Amino acid sequence: MVYAYVQDVPIGEELYRKIIDELGPEPLAGSLMHLCVRRSDGGLRYIDVWESEEACERAFDERIHPAVDTAFGGQRPGSEPVVERLEVLHATGSLLGEAAV
């Protein structure tokens, strides 16, 4: 089942770019879409769509958290920003193949 969420993160573009560089060019398994936008307060908002919640958790454990830790110089804040899960009623797009409900 498709898993999607929105997450506001208290970082700027420079740190975001460091995290992306640490992730490298290989796509994250199970990620269907990642969109990063700037909020009016200067922070960033992530909008993510995954094949499943399990694929998302695996990517965080295996790739995202290690990249964030490195980008933060090993001093990542102890708590994660709040994740607002989105209830997906319908999703289509080239990455999804067939429509997913």
PDB file of N, CA and C in Angstrom:
ATOM      1  N   MET A   1       0.834  -1.176   0.000  1.00  0.00           N
ATOM      2  CA  MET A   1       0.000   0.000   0.000  1.00  0.00           C
ATOM      3  C   MET A   1       0.883   1.244   0.000  1.00  0.00           C
ATOM      4  N   VAL A   2       0.545   2.231  -0.799  1.00  0.00           N
ATOM      5  CA  VAL A   2       1.313   3.470  -0.902  1.00  0.00           C
ATOM      6  C   VAL A   2       1.307   4.192   0.443  1.00  0.00           C
ATOM      7  N   TYR A   3       2.467   4.702   0.820  1.00  0.00           N
ATOM      8  CA  TYR A   3       2.645   5.431   2.074  1.00  0.00           C
ATOM      9  C   TYR A   3       3.146   6.831   1.721  1.00  0.00           C
ATOM     10  N   ALA A   4       2.509   7.862   2.283  1.00  0.00           N
ATOM     11  CA  ALA A   4       2.915   9.238   1.992  1.00  0.00           C
ATOM     12  C   ALA A   4       2.893  10.056   3.269  1.00  0.00           C
ATOM     13  N   TYR A   5       3.760  11.061   3.309  1.00  0.00           N
ATOM     14  CA  TYR A   5       3.790  11.938   4.475  1.00  0.00           C
ATOM     15  C   TYR A   5       4.348  13.304   4.116  1.00  0.00           C
ATOM     16  N   VAL A   6       4.111  14.249   5.034  1.00  0.00           N
ATOM     17  CA  VAL A   6       4.674  15.589   4.984  1.00  0.00           C
ATOM     18  C   VAL A   6       5.479  15.755   6.266  1.00  0.00           C
ATOM     19  N   GLN A   7       6.645  16.378   6.146  1.00  0.00           N
ATOM     20  CA  GLN A   7       7.498  16.603   7.316  1.00  0.00           C
ATOM     21  C   GLN A   7       8.175  17.961   7.191  1.00  0.00           C
ATOM     22  N   ASP A   8       7.972  18.815   8.188  1.00  0.00           N
ATOM     23  CA  ASP A   8       8.656  20.101   8.238  1.00  0.00           C
ATOM     24  C   ASP A   8       9.951  19.918   9.008  1.00  0.00           C
ATOM     25  N   VAL A   9      11.053  20.347   8.403  1.00  0.00           N
ATOM     26  CA  VAL A   9      12.361  20.164   9.032  1.00  0.00           C
ATOM     27  C   VAL A   9      13.031  21.516   9.252  1.00  0.00           C
ATOM     28  N   PRO A  10      13.648  21.690  10.414  1.00  0.00           N
ATOM     29  CA  PRO A  10      14.234  22.990  10.769  1.00  0.00           C
ATOM     30  C   PRO A  10      15.667  23.151  10.262  1.00  0.00           C
ATOM     31  N   ILE A  11      15.860  22.891   8.974  1.00  0.00           N
ATOM     32  CA  ILE A  11      17.193  23.045   8.386  1.00  0.00           C
ATOM     33  C   ILE A  11      17.079  23.938   7.167  1.00  0.00           C
ATOM     34  N   GLY A  12      18.213  24.436   6.722  1.00  0.00           N
ATOM     35  CA  GLY A  12      18.264  25.251   5.517  1.00  0.00           C
ATOM     36  C   GLY A  12      18.719  24.452   4.323  1.00  0.00           C
ATOM     37  N   GLU A  13      18.775  25.135   3.193  1.00  0.00           N
ATOM     38  CA  GLU A  13      19.132  24.473   1.940  1.00  0.00           C
ATOM     39  C   GLU A  13      20.559  23.922   1.959  1.00  0.00           C
ATOM     40  N   GLU A  14      21.484  24.625   2.594  1.00  0.00           N
ATOM     41  CA  GLU A  14      22.875  24.169   2.606  1.00  0.00           C
ATOM     42  C   GLU A  14      23.008  22.798   3.278  1.00  0.00           C
ATOM     43  N   LEU A  15      22.386  22.623   4.424  1.00  0.00           N
ATOM     44  CA  LEU A  15      22.452  21.334   5.111  1.00  0.00           C
ATOM     45  C   LEU A  15      21.683  20.270   4.330  1.00  0.00           C
ATOM     46  N   TYR A  16      20.563  20.648   3.749  1.00  0.00           N
ATOM     47  CA  TYR A  16      19.806  19.715   2.919  1.00  0.00           C
ATOM     48  C   TYR A  16      20.686  19.187   1.779  1.00  0.00           C
ATOM     49  N   ARG A  17      21.412  20.076   1.120  1.00  0.00           N
ATOM     50  CA  ARG A  17      22.289  19.662   0.010  1.00  0.00           C
ATOM     51  C   ARG A  17      23.385  18.711   0.497  1.00  0.00           C
ATOM     52  N   LYS A  18      23.898  18.937   1.701  1.00  0.00           N
ATOM     53  CA  LYS A  18      24.899  18.018   2.266  1.00  0.00           C
ATOM     54  C   LYS A  18      24.303  16.623   2.445  1.00  0.00           C
ATOM     55  N   ILE A  19      23.073  16.574   2.935  1.00  0.00           N
ATOM     56  CA  ILE A  19      22.413  15.275   3.123  1.00  0.00           C
ATOM     57  C   ILE A  19      22.232  14.581   1.784  1.00  0.00           C
ATOM     58  N   ILE A  20      21.775  15.309   0.778  1.00  0.00           N
ATOM     59  CA  ILE A  20      21.575  14.739  -0.555  1.00  0.00           C
ATOM     60  C   ILE A  20      22.899  14.231  -1.122  1.00  0.00           C
ATOM     61  N   ASP A  21      23.973  14.999  -0.935  1.00  0.00           N
ATOM     62  CA  ASP A  21      25.290  14.563  -1.401  1.00  0.00           C
ATOM     63  C   ASP A  21      25.704  13.270  -0.714  1.00  0.00           C
ATOM     64  N   GLU A  22      25.440  13.172   0.591  1.00  0.00           N
ATOM     65  CA  GLU A  22      25.784  11.959   1.342  1.00  0.00           C
ATOM     66  C   GLU A  22      24.983  10.751   0.870  1.00  0.00           C
ATOM     67  N   LEU A  23      23.734  10.977   0.453  1.00  0.00           N
ATOM     68  CA  LEU A  23      22.911   9.873  -0.048  1.00  0.00           C
ATOM     69  C   LEU A  23      23.460   9.305  -1.349  1.00  0.00           C
ATOM     70  N   GLY A  24      24.093  10.151  -2.139  1.00  0.00           N
ATOM     71  CA  GLY A  24      24.658   9.704  -3.406  1.00  0.00           C
ATOM     72  C   GLY A  24      23.600   9.578  -4.489  1.00  0.00           C
ATOM     73  N   PRO A  25      24.031   9.200  -5.691  1.00  0.00           N
ATOM     74  CA  PRO A  25      23.135   9.203  -6.848  1.00  0.00           C
ATOM     75  C   PRO A  25      22.195   7.997  -6.932  1.00  0.00           C
ATOM     76  N   GLU A  26      22.480   6.932  -6.196  1.00  0.00           N
ATOM     77  CA  GLU A  26      21.643   5.735  -6.290  1.00  0.00           C
ATOM     78  C   GLU A  26      20.260   6.006  -5.703  1.00  0.00           C
ATOM     79  N   PRO A  27      19.190   5.708  -6.445  1.00  0.00           N
ATOM     80  CA  PRO A  27      17.835   5.937  -5.927  1.00  0.00           C
ATOM     81  C   PRO A  27      17.578   5.128  -4.655  1.00  0.00           C
ATOM     82  N   LEU A  28      16.727   5.659  -3.817  1.00  0.00           N
ATOM     83  CA  LEU A  28      16.330   4.948  -2.601  1.00  0.00           C
ATOM     84  C   LEU A  28      15.292   3.894  -2.971  1.00  0.00           C
ATOM     85  N   ALA A  29      15.554   2.656  -2.616  1.00  0.00           N
ATOM     86  CA  ALA A  29      14.621   1.575  -2.928  1.00  0.00           C
ATOM     87  C   ALA A  29      13.265   1.864  -2.302  1.00  0.00           C
ATOM     88  N   GLY A  30      12.223   1.812  -3.111  1.00  0.00           N
ATOM     89  CA  GLY A  30      10.867   1.997  -2.617  1.00  0.00           C
ATOM     90  C   GLY A  30      10.369   3.425  -2.639  1.00  0.00           C
ATOM     91  N   SER A  31      11.257   4.396  -2.908  1.00  0.00           N
ATOM     92  CA  SER A  31      10.833   5.789  -2.964  1.00  0.00           C
ATOM     93  C   SER A  31      10.192   6.073  -4.316  1.00  0.00           C
ATOM     94  N   LEU A  32       8.975   6.601  -4.290  1.00  0.00           N
ATOM     95  CA  LEU A  32       8.285   6.938  -5.522  1.00  0.00           C
ATOM     96  C   LEU A  32       8.421   8.415  -5.856  1.00  0.00           C
ATOM     97  N   MET A  33       8.507   9.264  -4.797  1.00  0.00           N
ATOM     98  CA  MET A  33       8.671  10.691  -5.020  1.00  0.00           C
ATOM     99  C   MET A  33       9.173  11.345  -3.741  1.00  0.00           C
ATOM    100  N   HIS A  34      10.107  12.284  -3.898  1.00  0.00           N
ATOM    101  CA  HIS A  34      10.550  13.134  -2.792  1.00  0.00           C
ATOM    102  C   HIS A  34      10.551  14.558  -3.320  1.00  0.00           C
ATOM    103  N   LEU A  35       9.831  15.422  -2.621  1.00  0.00           N
ATOM    104  CA  LEU A  35       9.761  16.821  -2.992  1.00  0.00           C
ATOM    105  C   LEU A  35      10.178  17.634  -1.777  1.00  0.00           C
ATOM    106  N   CYS A  36      11.133  18.534  -1.964  1.00  0.00           N
ATOM    107  CA  CYS A  36      11.580  19.421  -0.895  1.00  0.00           C
ATOM    108  C   CYS A  36      11.246  20.841  -1.318  1.00  0.00           C
ATOM    109  N   VAL A  37      10.492  21.543  -0.464  1.00  0.00           N
ATOM    110  CA  VAL A  37      10.108  22.920  -0.763  1.00  0.00           C
ATOM    111  C   VAL A  37      10.479  23.813   0.413  1.00  0.00           C
ATOM    112  N   ARG A  38      10.694  25.088   0.118  1.00  0.00           N
ATOM    113  CA  ARG A  38      11.019  26.050   1.167  1.00  0.00           C
ATOM    114  C   ARG A  38       9.723  26.607   1.747  1.00  0.00           C
ATOM    115  N   ARG A  39       9.644  26.627   3.078  1.00  0.00           N
ATOM    116  CA  ARG A  39       8.503  27.230   3.765  1.00  0.00           C
ATOM    117  C   ARG A  39       8.734  28.731   3.905  1.00  0.00           C
ATOM    118  N   SER A  40       7.696  29.466   4.214  1.00  0.00           N
ATOM    119  CA  SER A  40       7.807  30.919   4.339  1.00  0.00           C
ATOM    120  C   SER A  40       8.730  31.340   5.484  1.00  0.00           C
ATOM    121  N   ASP A  41       8.907  30.467   6.502  1.00  0.00           N
ATOM    122  CA  ASP A  41       9.793  30.798   7.624  1.00  0.00           C
ATOM    123  C   ASP A  41      11.250  30.434   7.348  1.00  0.00           C
ATOM    124  N   GLY A  42      11.536  29.928   6.143  1.00  0.00           N
ATOM    125  CA  GLY A  42      12.902  29.582   5.772  1.00  0.00           C
ATOM    126  C   GLY A  42      13.247  28.119   5.980  1.00  0.00           C
ATOM    127  N   GLY A  43      12.440  27.410   6.770  1.00  0.00           N
ATOM    128  CA  GLY A  43      12.655  25.971   6.941  1.00  0.00           C
ATOM    129  C   GLY A  43      12.236  25.223   5.689  1.00  0.00           C
ATOM    130  N   LEU A  44      12.394  23.917   5.729  1.00  0.00           N
ATOM    131  CA  LEU A  44      12.060  23.094   4.573  1.00  0.00           C
ATOM    132  C   LEU A  44      10.915  22.156   4.897  1.00  0.00           C
ATOM    133  N   ARG A  45      10.177  21.784   3.881  1.00  0.00           N
ATOM    134  CA  ARG A  45       9.102  20.800   4.001  1.00  0.00           C
ATOM    135  C   ARG A  45       9.373  19.691   2.997  1.00  0.00           C
ATOM    136  N   TYR A  46       9.314  18.463   3.507  1.00  0.00           N
ATOM    137  CA  TYR A  46       9.435  17.287   2.641  1.00  0.00           C
ATOM    138  C   TYR A  46       8.048  16.726   2.392  1.00  0.00           C
ATOM    139  N   ILE A  47       7.806  16.336   1.170  1.00  0.00           N
ATOM    140  CA  ILE A  47       6.606  15.603   0.798  1.00  0.00           C
ATOM    141  C   ILE A  47       7.112  14.331   0.126  1.00  0.00           C
ATOM    142  N   ASP A  48       6.818  13.202   0.747  1.00  0.00           N
ATOM    143  CA  ASP A  48       7.362  11.933   0.274  1.00  0.00           C
ATOM    144  C   ASP A  48       6.269  10.930  -0.011  1.00  0.00           C
ATOM    145  N   VAL A  49       6.490  10.114  -1.040  1.00  0.00           N
ATOM    146  CA  VAL A  49       5.594   9.021  -1.386  1.00  0.00           C
ATOM    147  C   VAL A  49       6.457   7.775  -1.565  1.00  0.00           C
ATOM    148  N   TRP A  50       6.057   6.711  -0.892  1.00  0.00           N
ATOM    149  CA  TRP A  50       6.798   5.446  -0.888  1.00  0.00           C
ATOM    150  C   TRP A  50       5.897   4.300  -1.306  1.00  0.00           C
ATOM    151  N   GLU A  51       6.513   3.239  -1.796  1.00  0.00           N
ATOM    152  CA  GLU A  51       5.762   2.027  -2.137  1.00  0.00           C
ATOM    153  C   GLU A  51       5.023   1.488  -0.927  1.00  0.00           C
ATOM    154  N   SER A  52       5.653   1.597   0.246  1.00  0.00           N
ATOM    155  CA  SER A  52       5.061   1.093   1.483  1.00  0.00           C
ATOM    156  C   SER A  52       5.753   1.753   2.669  1.00  0.00           C
ATOM    157  N   GLU A  53       5.133   1.680   3.823  1.00  0.00           N
ATOM    158  CA  GLU A  53       5.750   2.213   5.035  1.00  0.00           C
ATOM    159  C   GLU A  53       7.015   1.425   5.379  1.00  0.00           C
ATOM    160  N   GLU A  54       6.982   0.132   5.122  1.00  0.00           N
ATOM    161  CA  GLU A  54       8.156  -0.709   5.388  1.00  0.00           C
ATOM    162  C   GLU A  54       9.349  -0.296   4.535  1.00  0.00           C
ATOM    163  N   ALA A  55       9.105   0.008   3.258  1.00  0.00           N
ATOM    164  CA  ALA A  55      10.195   0.456   2.373  1.00  0.00           C
ATOM    165  C   ALA A  55      10.774   1.767   2.885  1.00  0.00           C
ATOM    166  N   CYS A  56       9.919   2.649   3.359  1.00  0.00           N
ATOM    167  CA  CYS A  56      10.365   3.931   3.916  1.00  0.00           C
ATOM    168  C   CYS A  56      11.232   3.702   5.159  1.00  0.00           C
ATOM    169  N   GLU A  57      10.761   2.874   6.078  1.00  0.00           N
ATOM    170  CA  GLU A  57      11.514   2.590   7.303  1.00  0.00           C
ATOM    171  C   GLU A  57      12.877   1.981   6.982  1.00  0.00           C
ATOM    172  N   ARG A  58      12.912   1.068   6.026  1.00  0.00           N
ATOM    173  CA  ARG A  58      14.165   0.425   5.627  1.00  0.00           C
ATOM    174  C   ARG A  58      15.143   1.450   5.057  1.00  0.00           C
ATOM    175  N   ALA A  59      14.645   2.355   4.216  1.00  0.00           N
ATOM    176  CA  ALA A  59      15.508   3.387   3.628  1.00  0.00           C
ATOM    177  C   ALA A  59      16.060   4.314   4.707  1.00  0.00           C
ATOM    178  N   PHE A  60      15.240   4.666   5.693  1.00  0.00           N
ATOM    179  CA  PHE A  60      15.723   5.502   6.790  1.00  0.00           C
ATOM    180  C   PHE A  60      16.800   4.779   7.586  1.00  0.00           C
ATOM    181  N   ASP A  61      16.579   3.517   7.894  1.00  0.00           N
ATOM    182  CA  ASP A  61      17.561   2.753   8.670  1.00  0.00           C
ATOM    183  C   ASP A  61      18.876   2.557   7.913  1.00  0.00           C
ATOM    184  N   GLU A  62      18.763   2.223   6.638  1.00  0.00           N
ATOM    185  CA  GLU A  62      19.944   1.836   5.864  1.00  0.00           C
ATOM    186  C   GLU A  62      20.683   3.001   5.207  1.00  0.00           C
ATOM    187  N   ARG A  63      19.965   4.048   4.805  1.00  0.00           N
ATOM    188  CA  ARG A  63      20.621   5.094   4.029  1.00  0.00           C
ATOM    189  C   ARG A  63      20.397   6.517   4.540  1.00  0.00           C
ATOM    190  N   ILE A  64      19.157   6.853   4.882  1.00  0.00           N
ATOM    191  CA  ILE A  64      18.856   8.245   5.199  1.00  0.00           C
ATOM    192  C   ILE A  64      19.462   8.669   6.523  1.00  0.00           C
ATOM    193  N   HIS A  65      19.217   7.928   7.587  1.00  0.00           N
ATOM    194  CA  HIS A  65      19.786   8.313   8.880  1.00  0.00           C
ATOM    195  C   HIS A  65      21.316   8.344   8.861  1.00  0.00           C
ATOM    196  N   PRO A  66      22.007   7.360   8.256  1.00  0.00           N
ATOM    197  CA  PRO A  66      23.467   7.485   8.167  1.00  0.00           C
ATOM    198  C   PRO A  66      23.912   8.739   7.400  1.00  0.00           C
ATOM    199  N   ALA A  67      23.211   9.100   6.334  1.00  0.00           N
ATOM    200  CA  ALA A  67      23.562  10.307   5.567  1.00  0.00           C
ATOM    201  C   ALA A  67      23.324  11.563   6.398  1.00  0.00           C
ATOM    202  N   VAL A  68      22.224  11.602   7.129  1.00  0.00           N
ATOM    203  CA  VAL A  68      21.919  12.750   7.984  1.00  0.00           C
ATOM    204  C   VAL A  68      22.967  12.862   9.088  1.00  0.00           C
ATOM    205  N   ASP A  69      23.313  11.737   9.704  1.00  0.00           N
ATOM    206  CA  ASP A  69      24.331  11.745  10.762  1.00  0.00           C
ATOM    207  C   ASP A  69      25.642  12.321  10.252  1.00  0.00           C
ATOM    208  N   THR A  70      26.060  11.905   9.072  1.00  0.00           N
ATOM    209  CA  THR A  70      27.306  12.397   8.494  1.00  0.00           C
ATOM    210  C   THR A  70      27.208  13.885   8.179  1.00  0.00           C
ATOM    211  N   ALA A  71      26.100  14.305   7.571  1.00  0.00           N
ATOM    212  CA  ALA A  71      25.921  15.719   7.214  1.00  0.00           C
ATOM    213  C   ALA A  71      25.916  16.620   8.449  1.00  0.00           C
ATOM    214  N   PHE A  72      25.392  16.111   9.558  1.00  0.00           N
ATOM    215  CA  PHE A  72      25.363  16.866  10.811  1.00  0.00           C
ATOM    216  C   PHE A  72      26.676  16.743  11.574  1.00  0.00           C
ATOM    217  N   GLY A  73      27.656  16.055  11.012  1.00  0.00           N
ATOM    218  CA  GLY A  73      28.934  15.877  11.696  1.00  0.00           C
ATOM    219  C   GLY A  73      28.818  15.015  12.934  1.00  0.00           C
ATOM    220  N   GLY A  74      27.884  14.078  12.912  1.00  0.00           N
ATOM    221  CA  GLY A  74      27.695  13.182  14.043  1.00  0.00           C
ATOM    222  C   GLY A  74      26.907  13.797  15.181  1.00  0.00           C
ATOM    223  N   GLN A  75      26.411  14.999  15.013  1.00  0.00           N
ATOM    224  CA  GLN A  75      25.689  15.706  16.080  1.00  0.00           C
ATOM    225  C   GLN A  75      24.223  15.952  15.718  1.00  0.00           C
ATOM    226  N   ARG A  76      23.594  14.971  15.110  1.00  0.00           N
ATOM    227  CA  ARG A  76      22.188  15.118  14.734  1.00  0.00           C
ATOM    228  C   ARG A  76      21.339  15.307  15.988  1.00  0.00           C
ATOM    229  N   PRO A  77      20.346  16.203  15.936  1.00  0.00           N
ATOM    230  CA  PRO A  77      19.456  16.380  17.087  1.00  0.00           C
ATOM    231  C   PRO A  77      18.823  15.055  17.490  1.00  0.00           C
ATOM    232  N   GLY A  78      18.541  14.904  18.776  1.00  0.00           N
ATOM    233  CA  GLY A  78      18.026  13.644  19.300  1.00  0.00           C
ATOM    234  C   GLY A  78      16.620  13.289  18.860  1.00  0.00           C
ATOM    235  N   SER A  79      15.800  14.272  18.511  1.00  0.00           N
ATOM    236  CA  SER A  79      14.423  13.952  18.141  1.00  0.00           C
ATOM    237  C   SER A  79      14.181  14.227  16.665  1.00  0.00           C
ATOM    238  N   GLU A  80      13.324  13.411  16.089  1.00  0.00           N
ATOM    239  CA  GLU A  80      12.947  13.566  14.685  1.00  0.00           C
ATOM    240  C   GLU A  80      11.850  14.617  14.556  1.00  0.00           C
ATOM    241  N   PRO A  81      11.858  15.390  13.485  1.00  0.00           N
ATOM    242  CA  PRO A  81      10.728  16.283  13.237  1.00  0.00           C
ATOM    243  C   PRO A  81       9.443  15.460  13.075  1.00  0.00           C
ATOM    244  N   VAL A  82       8.326  16.040  13.416  1.00  0.00           N
ATOM    245  CA  VAL A  82       7.035  15.362  13.345  1.00  0.00           C
ATOM    246  C   VAL A  82       6.716  14.983  11.903  1.00  0.00           C
ATOM    247  N   VAL A  83       6.247  13.761  11.736  1.00  0.00           N
ATOM    248  CA  VAL A  83       5.812  13.265  10.431  1.00  0.00           C
ATOM    249  C   VAL A  83       4.290  13.277  10.414  1.00  0.00           C
ATOM    250  N   GLU A  84       3.724  13.962   9.438  1.00  0.00           N
ATOM    251  CA  GLU A  84       2.272  13.975   9.280  1.00  0.00           C
ATOM    252  C   GLU A  84       1.909  13.011   8.164  1.00  0.00           C
ATOM    253  N   ARG A  85       1.403  11.866   8.563  1.00  0.00           N
ATOM    254  CA  ARG A  85       1.032  10.846   7.590  1.00  0.00           C
ATOM    255  C   ARG A  85      -0.159  11.343   6.769  1.00  0.00           C
ATOM    256  N   LEU A  86      -0.116  11.084   5.480  1.00  0.00           N
ATOM    257  CA  LEU A  86      -1.195  11.474   4.577  1.00  0.00           C
ATOM    258  C   LEU A  86      -2.004  10.235   4.216  1.00  0.00           C
ATOM    259  N   GLU A  87      -3.307  10.353   4.264  1.00  0.00           N
ATOM    260  CA  GLU A  87      -4.169   9.244   3.877  1.00  0.00           C
ATOM    261  C   GLU A  87      -4.307   9.259   2.356  1.00  0.00           C
ATOM    262  N   VAL A  88      -3.701   8.288   1.714  1.00  0.00           N
ATOM    263  CA  VAL A  88      -3.712   8.225   0.251  1.00  0.00           C
ATOM    264  C   VAL A  88      -4.996   7.536  -0.205  1.00  0.00           C
ATOM    265  N   LEU A  89      -5.816   8.274  -0.930  1.00  0.00           N
ATOM    266  CA  LEU A  89      -7.049   7.722  -1.474  1.00  0.00           C
ATOM    267  C   LEU A  89      -6.850   7.197  -2.885  1.00  0.00           C
ATOM    268  N   HIS A  90      -5.963   7.869  -3.616  1.00  0.00           N
ATOM    269  CA  HIS A  90      -5.696   7.483  -4.996  1.00  0.00           C
ATOM    270  C   HIS A  90      -4.371   8.074  -5.410  1.00  0.00           C
ATOM    271  N   ALA A  91      -3.578   7.333  -6.125  1.00  0.00           N
ATOM    272  CA  ALA A  91      -2.294   7.833  -6.602  1.00  0.00           C
ATOM    273  C   ALA A  91      -2.033   7.281  -7.990  1.00  0.00           C
ATOM    274  N   THR A  92      -1.589   8.158  -8.886  1.00  0.00           N
ATOM    275  CA  THR A  92      -1.194   7.724 -10.227  1.00  0.00           C
ATOM    276  C   THR A  92       0.097   8.453 -10.579  1.00  0.00           C
ATOM    277  N   GLY A  93       0.758   7.975 -11.571  1.00  0.00           N
ATOM    278  CA  GLY A  93       1.979   8.628 -12.032  1.00  0.00           C
ATOM    279  C   GLY A  93       2.888   7.610 -12.676  1.00  0.00           C
ATOM    280  N   SER A  94       3.865   8.108 -13.392  1.00  0.00           N
ATOM    281  CA  SER A  94       4.759   7.217 -14.139  1.00  0.00           C
ATOM    282  C   SER A  94       5.560   6.296 -13.232  1.00  0.00           C
ATOM    283  N   LEU A  95       5.857   6.729 -12.013  1.00  0.00           N
ATOM    284  CA  LEU A  95       6.624   5.879 -11.101  1.00  0.00           C
ATOM    285  C   LEU A  95       5.770   4.784 -10.463  1.00  0.00           C
ATOM    286  N   LEU A  96       4.462   4.984 -10.443  1.00  0.00           N
ATOM    287  CA  LEU A  96       3.577   4.015  -9.816  1.00  0.00           C
ATOM    288  C   LEU A  96       3.164   2.897 -10.758  1.00  0.00           C
ATOM    289  N   GLY A  97       3.312   3.104 -12.047  1.00  0.00           N
ATOM    290  CA  GLY A  97       2.804   2.112 -12.992  1.00  0.00           C
ATOM    291  C   GLY A  97       1.293   2.200 -13.004  1.00  0.00           C
ATOM    292  N   GLU A  98       0.633   1.162 -12.515  1.00  0.00           N
ATOM    293  CA  GLU A  98      -0.818   1.187 -12.427  1.00  0.00           C
ATOM    294  C   GLU A  98      -1.251   2.068 -11.276  1.00  0.00           C
ATOM    295  N   ALA A  99      -2.483   2.532 -11.323  1.00  0.00           N
ATOM    296  CA  ALA A  99      -3.015   3.350 -10.239  1.00  0.00           C
ATOM    297  C   ALA A  99      -2.988   2.562  -8.946  1.00  0.00           C
ATOM    298  N   ALA A 100      -2.616   3.244  -7.867  1.00  0.00           N
ATOM    299  CA  ALA A 100      -2.577   2.616  -6.551  1.00  0.00           C
ATOM    300  C   ALA A 100      -3.623   3.267  -5.664  1.00  0.00           C
ATOM    301  N   VAL A 101      -4.299   2.457  -4.912  1.00  0.00           N
ATOM    302  CA  VAL A 101      -5.330   2.978  -4.016  1.00  0.00           C
ATOM    303  C   VAL A 101      -4.957   2.637  -2.596  1.00  0.00           C
TER     304      VAL A 101
END
